[in-house]
N, C-alpha and C. Protein backbone atom coordinates (compact mmCIF):
# COMPACT_ATOMS: atom_id res chain seq x y z
N MET A 1 -25.16 -48.36 -21.36
CA MET A 1 -23.93 -47.57 -21.28
C MET A 1 -22.90 -48.16 -22.22
N THR A 2 -22.22 -47.26 -22.90
CA THR A 2 -21.22 -47.75 -23.85
C THR A 2 -19.89 -47.94 -23.14
N SER A 3 -19.20 -48.96 -23.54
CA SER A 3 -17.89 -49.20 -22.94
C SER A 3 -16.84 -48.39 -23.69
N TRP A 4 -15.70 -48.28 -23.14
CA TRP A 4 -14.63 -47.52 -23.76
C TRP A 4 -14.16 -48.17 -25.05
N LEU A 5 -14.44 -49.46 -25.21
CA LEU A 5 -14.04 -50.15 -26.43
C LEU A 5 -14.87 -49.71 -27.63
N GLU A 6 -16.08 -49.17 -27.39
CA GLU A 6 -16.95 -48.76 -28.50
C GLU A 6 -16.58 -47.38 -29.02
N TYR A 7 -15.76 -46.60 -28.30
CA TYR A 7 -15.34 -45.29 -28.79
C TYR A 7 -14.29 -45.48 -29.88
N PRO A 8 -14.16 -44.51 -30.78
CA PRO A 8 -13.17 -44.67 -31.86
C PRO A 8 -11.75 -44.77 -31.31
N GLN A 9 -11.00 -45.66 -31.87
CA GLN A 9 -9.61 -45.87 -31.51
C GLN A 9 -8.72 -45.23 -32.58
N LEU A 10 -7.45 -45.04 -32.29
CA LEU A 10 -6.53 -44.48 -33.27
C LEU A 10 -6.46 -45.32 -34.53
N SER A 11 -6.60 -46.60 -34.37
CA SER A 11 -6.50 -47.49 -35.53
C SER A 11 -7.69 -47.31 -36.47
N ASP A 12 -8.79 -46.70 -36.00
CA ASP A 12 -9.98 -46.49 -36.85
C ASP A 12 -9.78 -45.34 -37.84
N PHE A 13 -8.80 -44.46 -37.61
CA PHE A 13 -8.59 -43.31 -38.48
C PHE A 13 -7.63 -43.69 -39.60
N PRO A 14 -7.83 -43.09 -40.78
CA PRO A 14 -6.87 -43.36 -41.87
C PRO A 14 -5.52 -42.74 -41.53
N PRO A 15 -4.43 -43.28 -42.02
CA PRO A 15 -3.09 -42.80 -41.68
C PRO A 15 -2.88 -41.32 -42.02
N HIS A 16 -3.51 -40.85 -43.11
CA HIS A 16 -3.31 -39.45 -43.51
C HIS A 16 -3.85 -38.48 -42.43
N SER A 17 -4.98 -38.77 -41.83
CA SER A 17 -5.56 -37.88 -40.82
C SER A 17 -4.68 -37.80 -39.58
N LEU A 18 -4.00 -38.89 -39.25
CA LEU A 18 -3.10 -38.87 -38.10
C LEU A 18 -1.89 -37.98 -38.38
N GLN A 19 -1.40 -38.00 -39.61
CA GLN A 19 -0.26 -37.15 -39.97
C GLN A 19 -0.66 -35.68 -39.91
N VAL A 20 -1.87 -35.35 -40.31
CA VAL A 20 -2.34 -33.97 -40.26
C VAL A 20 -2.44 -33.52 -38.80
N CYS A 21 -2.92 -34.40 -37.91
CA CYS A 21 -3.02 -34.05 -36.50
C CYS A 21 -1.64 -33.80 -35.91
N LYS A 22 -0.65 -34.61 -36.28
CA LYS A 22 0.69 -34.46 -35.74
C LYS A 22 1.35 -33.18 -36.24
N LEU A 23 1.05 -32.75 -37.46
CA LEU A 23 1.67 -31.58 -38.05
C LEU A 23 0.93 -30.28 -37.73
N SER A 24 -0.30 -30.38 -37.25
CA SER A 24 -1.11 -29.17 -37.08
C SER A 24 -0.50 -28.21 -36.05
N TRP A 25 0.25 -28.70 -35.09
CA TRP A 25 0.83 -27.81 -34.09
C TRP A 25 1.85 -26.87 -34.70
N ARG A 26 2.45 -27.25 -35.82
CA ARG A 26 3.44 -26.40 -36.46
C ARG A 26 2.82 -25.16 -37.11
N PHE A 27 1.54 -25.25 -37.45
CA PHE A 27 0.89 -24.15 -38.15
C PHE A 27 -0.03 -23.34 -37.24
N ALA A 28 0.07 -23.56 -35.93
CA ALA A 28 -0.79 -22.83 -34.99
C ALA A 28 -0.33 -21.38 -34.89
N MET A 29 -1.22 -20.51 -34.48
CA MET A 29 -0.89 -19.09 -34.30
C MET A 29 0.12 -18.96 -33.16
N PRO A 30 1.09 -18.04 -33.29
CA PRO A 30 2.06 -17.86 -32.21
C PRO A 30 1.40 -17.28 -30.97
N ARG A 31 1.85 -17.68 -29.83
CA ARG A 31 1.29 -17.22 -28.55
C ARG A 31 2.27 -16.26 -27.90
N GLY A 32 1.74 -15.20 -27.28
CA GLY A 32 2.57 -14.27 -26.54
C GLY A 32 3.32 -13.33 -27.46
N SER A 33 4.05 -12.42 -26.85
CA SER A 33 4.81 -11.44 -27.63
C SER A 33 6.29 -11.77 -27.57
N LYS A 34 6.99 -11.26 -28.55
CA LYS A 34 8.44 -11.48 -28.60
C LYS A 34 9.10 -10.61 -27.54
N PRO A 35 10.31 -10.94 -27.12
CA PRO A 35 11.00 -10.12 -26.12
C PRO A 35 11.16 -8.68 -26.61
N GLY A 36 10.77 -7.73 -25.77
CA GLY A 36 10.87 -6.32 -26.12
C GLY A 36 9.68 -5.78 -26.88
N GLU A 37 8.78 -6.65 -27.33
CA GLU A 37 7.62 -6.22 -28.10
C GLU A 37 6.46 -5.91 -27.15
N ARG A 38 5.77 -4.77 -27.41
CA ARG A 38 4.61 -4.41 -26.58
C ARG A 38 3.35 -4.63 -27.40
N ARG A 39 2.34 -5.20 -26.76
CA ARG A 39 1.05 -5.37 -27.42
C ARG A 39 -0.03 -4.82 -26.50
N GLY A 40 -0.71 -3.80 -26.94
CA GLY A 40 -1.84 -3.28 -26.18
C GLY A 40 -1.41 -2.64 -24.87
N GLY A 41 -2.38 -2.32 -24.04
CA GLY A 41 -2.11 -1.72 -22.75
C GLY A 41 -2.00 -0.21 -22.85
N ARG A 42 -1.76 0.42 -21.74
CA ARG A 42 -1.67 1.87 -21.66
C ARG A 42 -0.34 2.34 -22.24
N VAL A 43 -0.40 3.46 -22.95
CA VAL A 43 0.81 4.05 -23.51
C VAL A 43 1.68 4.55 -22.36
N LYS A 44 2.98 4.38 -22.48
CA LYS A 44 3.91 4.79 -21.43
C LYS A 44 3.75 6.27 -21.13
N GLY A 45 3.66 6.61 -19.84
CA GLY A 45 3.55 8.00 -19.44
C GLY A 45 2.13 8.49 -19.26
N THR A 46 1.13 7.71 -19.66
CA THR A 46 -0.26 8.12 -19.49
C THR A 46 -0.65 7.98 -18.02
N LEU A 47 -1.29 9.00 -17.46
CA LEU A 47 -1.68 8.98 -16.05
C LEU A 47 -3.00 8.25 -15.89
N ASN A 48 -3.14 7.54 -14.76
CA ASN A 48 -4.42 6.91 -14.48
C ASN A 48 -5.35 7.95 -13.84
N ALA A 49 -6.62 7.60 -13.66
CA ALA A 49 -7.62 8.55 -13.20
C ALA A 49 -7.31 9.09 -11.81
N ALA A 50 -6.85 8.24 -10.91
CA ALA A 50 -6.57 8.68 -9.54
C ALA A 50 -5.44 9.72 -9.52
N THR A 51 -4.41 9.51 -10.32
CA THR A 51 -3.29 10.46 -10.37
C THR A 51 -3.75 11.79 -10.95
N LYS A 52 -4.61 11.76 -11.98
CA LYS A 52 -5.13 12.99 -12.56
C LYS A 52 -5.91 13.80 -11.53
N ILE A 53 -6.78 13.12 -10.77
CA ILE A 53 -7.57 13.80 -9.74
C ILE A 53 -6.66 14.37 -8.67
N HIS A 54 -5.68 13.59 -8.24
CA HIS A 54 -4.75 14.02 -7.20
C HIS A 54 -3.99 15.28 -7.63
N ARG A 55 -3.47 15.27 -8.86
CA ARG A 55 -2.71 16.42 -9.34
C ARG A 55 -3.60 17.64 -9.53
N ALA A 56 -4.84 17.42 -9.98
CA ALA A 56 -5.76 18.55 -10.15
C ALA A 56 -6.11 19.17 -8.81
N THR A 57 -6.28 18.34 -7.78
CA THR A 57 -6.59 18.83 -6.44
C THR A 57 -5.44 19.66 -5.89
N ILE A 58 -4.22 19.18 -6.06
CA ILE A 58 -3.05 19.90 -5.58
C ILE A 58 -2.91 21.24 -6.31
N ALA A 59 -3.15 21.23 -7.63
CA ALA A 59 -3.05 22.46 -8.40
C ALA A 59 -4.11 23.47 -7.97
N ALA A 60 -5.35 23.00 -7.70
CA ALA A 60 -6.42 23.90 -7.27
C ALA A 60 -6.10 24.50 -5.91
N ALA A 61 -5.56 23.69 -5.00
CA ALA A 61 -5.21 24.20 -3.68
C ALA A 61 -4.07 25.23 -3.78
N ALA A 62 -3.11 24.97 -4.66
CA ALA A 62 -1.99 25.90 -4.82
C ALA A 62 -2.46 27.22 -5.43
N ASP A 63 -3.46 27.16 -6.32
CA ASP A 63 -3.99 28.38 -6.94
C ASP A 63 -4.66 29.28 -5.90
N HIS A 64 -5.24 28.69 -4.87
CA HIS A 64 -5.91 29.46 -3.83
C HIS A 64 -4.97 29.82 -2.68
N GLY A 65 -3.70 29.45 -2.80
CA GLY A 65 -2.72 29.79 -1.78
C GLY A 65 -2.82 28.95 -0.52
N LEU A 66 -3.39 27.76 -0.62
CA LEU A 66 -3.52 26.88 0.54
C LEU A 66 -2.26 26.03 0.70
N THR A 67 -1.83 25.88 1.92
CA THR A 67 -0.77 24.92 2.21
C THR A 67 -1.40 23.54 2.30
N PRO A 68 -0.62 22.48 2.17
CA PRO A 68 -1.21 21.14 2.29
C PRO A 68 -1.95 20.93 3.62
N LEU A 69 -1.39 21.47 4.70
CA LEU A 69 -2.04 21.32 6.00
C LEU A 69 -3.37 22.07 6.04
N ALA A 70 -3.41 23.28 5.50
CA ALA A 70 -4.64 24.06 5.49
C ALA A 70 -5.70 23.36 4.63
N TYR A 71 -5.28 22.77 3.52
CA TYR A 71 -6.20 22.03 2.67
C TYR A 71 -6.78 20.83 3.40
N MET A 72 -5.92 20.06 4.07
CA MET A 72 -6.39 18.88 4.80
C MET A 72 -7.36 19.27 5.91
N LEU A 73 -7.04 20.33 6.64
CA LEU A 73 -7.92 20.77 7.72
C LEU A 73 -9.24 21.29 7.19
N ALA A 74 -9.23 21.95 6.03
CA ALA A 74 -10.48 22.42 5.43
C ALA A 74 -11.37 21.26 5.04
N ARG A 75 -10.79 20.23 4.45
CA ARG A 75 -11.58 19.04 4.08
C ARG A 75 -12.06 18.30 5.32
N LEU A 76 -11.25 18.30 6.36
CA LEU A 76 -11.60 17.63 7.62
C LEU A 76 -12.79 18.31 8.28
N ARG A 77 -12.84 19.64 8.22
CA ARG A 77 -13.90 20.39 8.90
C ARG A 77 -15.19 20.47 8.10
N ASP A 78 -15.16 20.08 6.83
CA ASP A 78 -16.35 20.13 5.98
C ASP A 78 -17.29 18.98 6.35
N THR A 79 -18.44 19.30 6.94
CA THR A 79 -19.37 18.26 7.40
C THR A 79 -20.09 17.57 6.25
N GLU A 80 -20.09 18.18 5.06
CA GLU A 80 -20.74 17.57 3.89
C GLU A 80 -19.85 16.52 3.23
N GLU A 81 -18.59 16.47 3.62
CA GLU A 81 -17.62 15.57 3.01
C GLU A 81 -17.86 14.13 3.47
N ASP A 82 -17.39 13.18 2.66
CA ASP A 82 -17.50 11.75 2.98
C ASP A 82 -16.76 11.46 4.29
N PRO A 83 -17.40 10.74 5.23
CA PRO A 83 -16.74 10.46 6.52
C PRO A 83 -15.41 9.71 6.38
N LYS A 84 -15.31 8.84 5.40
CA LYS A 84 -14.05 8.10 5.21
C LYS A 84 -12.93 9.06 4.80
N LEU A 85 -13.25 10.02 3.93
CA LEU A 85 -12.25 10.99 3.51
C LEU A 85 -11.87 11.89 4.67
N ARG A 86 -12.84 12.29 5.48
CA ARG A 86 -12.55 13.13 6.64
C ARG A 86 -11.64 12.40 7.62
N ALA A 87 -11.89 11.10 7.82
CA ALA A 87 -11.03 10.31 8.72
C ALA A 87 -9.61 10.21 8.14
N TYR A 88 -9.52 10.05 6.83
CA TYR A 88 -8.21 9.97 6.20
C TYR A 88 -7.46 11.29 6.34
N MET A 89 -8.17 12.40 6.16
CA MET A 89 -7.55 13.71 6.29
C MET A 89 -7.08 13.94 7.74
N ALA A 90 -7.85 13.47 8.71
CA ALA A 90 -7.44 13.61 10.11
C ALA A 90 -6.16 12.82 10.37
N THR A 91 -6.08 11.63 9.79
CA THR A 91 -4.88 10.80 9.96
C THR A 91 -3.68 11.46 9.28
N ALA A 92 -3.91 12.03 8.10
CA ALA A 92 -2.79 12.64 7.36
C ALA A 92 -2.32 13.94 8.01
N ALA A 93 -3.24 14.70 8.62
CA ALA A 93 -2.88 16.00 9.21
C ALA A 93 -2.31 15.86 10.61
N ALA A 94 -2.57 14.76 11.29
CA ALA A 94 -2.16 14.60 12.69
C ALA A 94 -0.66 14.81 12.92
N PRO A 95 0.23 14.25 12.10
CA PRO A 95 1.67 14.46 12.38
C PRO A 95 2.11 15.92 12.30
N TYR A 96 1.38 16.74 11.53
CA TYR A 96 1.74 18.15 11.42
C TYR A 96 1.25 18.97 12.61
N VAL A 97 0.18 18.50 13.25
CA VAL A 97 -0.42 19.24 14.36
C VAL A 97 0.07 18.70 15.71
N HIS A 98 0.16 17.38 15.84
CA HIS A 98 0.55 16.73 17.10
C HIS A 98 1.79 15.89 16.85
N PRO A 99 2.97 16.36 17.20
CA PRO A 99 4.18 15.56 16.95
C PRO A 99 4.20 14.28 17.79
N LYS A 100 4.86 13.29 17.25
CA LYS A 100 4.98 12.02 17.97
C LYS A 100 5.91 12.19 19.16
N LEU A 101 5.62 11.47 20.22
CA LEU A 101 6.49 11.51 21.40
C LEU A 101 7.70 10.61 21.16
N ALA A 102 8.85 11.10 21.55
CA ALA A 102 10.07 10.33 21.38
C ALA A 102 10.23 9.34 22.53
N ALA A 103 10.83 8.23 22.26
CA ALA A 103 11.10 7.25 23.30
C ALA A 103 12.22 7.78 24.19
N MET A 104 12.09 7.55 25.49
CA MET A 104 13.10 8.01 26.44
C MET A 104 13.67 6.81 27.18
N GLU A 105 14.96 6.84 27.38
CA GLU A 105 15.61 5.77 28.14
C GLU A 105 15.92 6.32 29.52
N LEU A 106 15.41 5.65 30.53
CA LEU A 106 15.66 6.07 31.91
C LEU A 106 16.78 5.23 32.50
N SER A 107 17.70 5.90 33.19
CA SER A 107 18.78 5.17 33.85
C SER A 107 19.19 5.92 35.11
N GLY A 108 19.90 5.25 35.95
CA GLY A 108 20.37 5.83 37.19
C GLY A 108 21.65 6.63 36.97
N PRO A 109 22.37 6.91 38.07
CA PRO A 109 23.63 7.67 37.96
C PRO A 109 24.63 6.96 37.05
N SER A 110 25.30 7.72 36.21
CA SER A 110 26.29 7.25 35.24
C SER A 110 25.76 6.07 34.41
N LYS A 111 24.55 6.21 33.96
CA LYS A 111 23.86 5.24 33.08
C LYS A 111 23.76 3.84 33.68
N GLY A 112 23.72 3.78 34.99
CA GLY A 112 23.55 2.50 35.67
C GLY A 112 22.08 2.23 35.93
N PRO A 113 21.78 1.18 36.68
CA PRO A 113 20.39 0.86 36.97
C PRO A 113 19.78 1.88 37.93
N ILE A 114 18.47 1.98 37.90
CA ILE A 114 17.75 2.88 38.80
C ILE A 114 17.55 2.14 40.12
N VAL A 115 17.98 2.76 41.21
CA VAL A 115 17.85 2.15 42.53
C VAL A 115 16.71 2.85 43.26
N ILE A 116 15.78 2.06 43.76
CA ILE A 116 14.63 2.60 44.50
C ILE A 116 14.78 2.20 45.96
N ASP A 117 14.83 3.20 46.83
CA ASP A 117 14.94 2.96 48.27
C ASP A 117 13.56 3.17 48.88
N ALA A 118 12.91 2.08 49.28
CA ALA A 118 11.56 2.16 49.80
C ALA A 118 11.54 2.58 51.27
N ASN A 119 12.67 2.56 51.97
CA ASN A 119 12.72 2.89 53.39
C ASN A 119 13.19 4.33 53.61
N ILE A 120 12.64 5.26 52.87
CA ILE A 120 13.07 6.65 52.98
C ILE A 120 11.91 7.48 53.53
N ASP A 121 12.25 8.48 54.32
CA ASP A 121 11.25 9.38 54.89
C ASP A 121 10.68 10.26 53.76
N PRO A 122 9.36 10.47 53.67
CA PRO A 122 8.77 11.29 52.61
C PRO A 122 9.35 12.70 52.56
N GLY A 123 9.66 13.29 53.70
CA GLY A 123 10.25 14.63 53.72
C GLY A 123 11.63 14.63 53.10
N GLU A 124 12.41 13.59 53.44
CA GLU A 124 13.75 13.49 52.87
C GLU A 124 13.67 13.25 51.36
N ALA A 125 12.69 12.48 50.91
CA ALA A 125 12.51 12.23 49.47
C ALA A 125 12.21 13.54 48.75
N TYR A 126 11.40 14.40 49.38
CA TYR A 126 11.06 15.69 48.78
C TYR A 126 12.29 16.57 48.66
N VAL A 127 13.12 16.55 49.68
CA VAL A 127 14.35 17.34 49.67
C VAL A 127 15.30 16.82 48.58
N ARG A 128 15.42 15.49 48.45
CA ARG A 128 16.26 14.91 47.40
C ARG A 128 15.73 15.24 46.01
N LEU A 129 14.40 15.25 45.89
CA LEU A 129 13.77 15.55 44.61
C LEU A 129 14.10 16.98 44.19
N LEU A 130 14.07 17.90 45.12
CA LEU A 130 14.38 19.29 44.79
C LEU A 130 15.88 19.53 44.63
N GLY A 131 16.69 18.59 45.10
CA GLY A 131 18.12 18.70 44.97
C GLY A 131 18.76 19.65 45.94
N LYS A 132 18.16 19.81 47.10
CA LYS A 132 18.71 20.75 48.12
C LYS A 132 19.41 19.99 49.21
């Protein structure tokens, strides 16, 4: 095994080669782009594939007079369609068919606490419930 002393040392190189090594960084190719300069990539405003498909689907549905809900339900009911897409369509159509339930705040008289009287006759409770 060779020791580290057997590898070339800086003193083994002629002085001119060391100067070239020190100056070589000045002549390297520039890295990155200047501020405001664009290099490569997609041209501004070009649509990606998913957006093109999405817009074409919407245009086709509009040409046939379908509403978004009717389109989603048609894709949902198509048994030949991908199950993942059918599940997505069911999720997307659900708010239009089944509205979300609103949260309700329960309180007693004049927005106070609810008082439960466990020692009440069932007949009397029925009469109170009907408000008679």
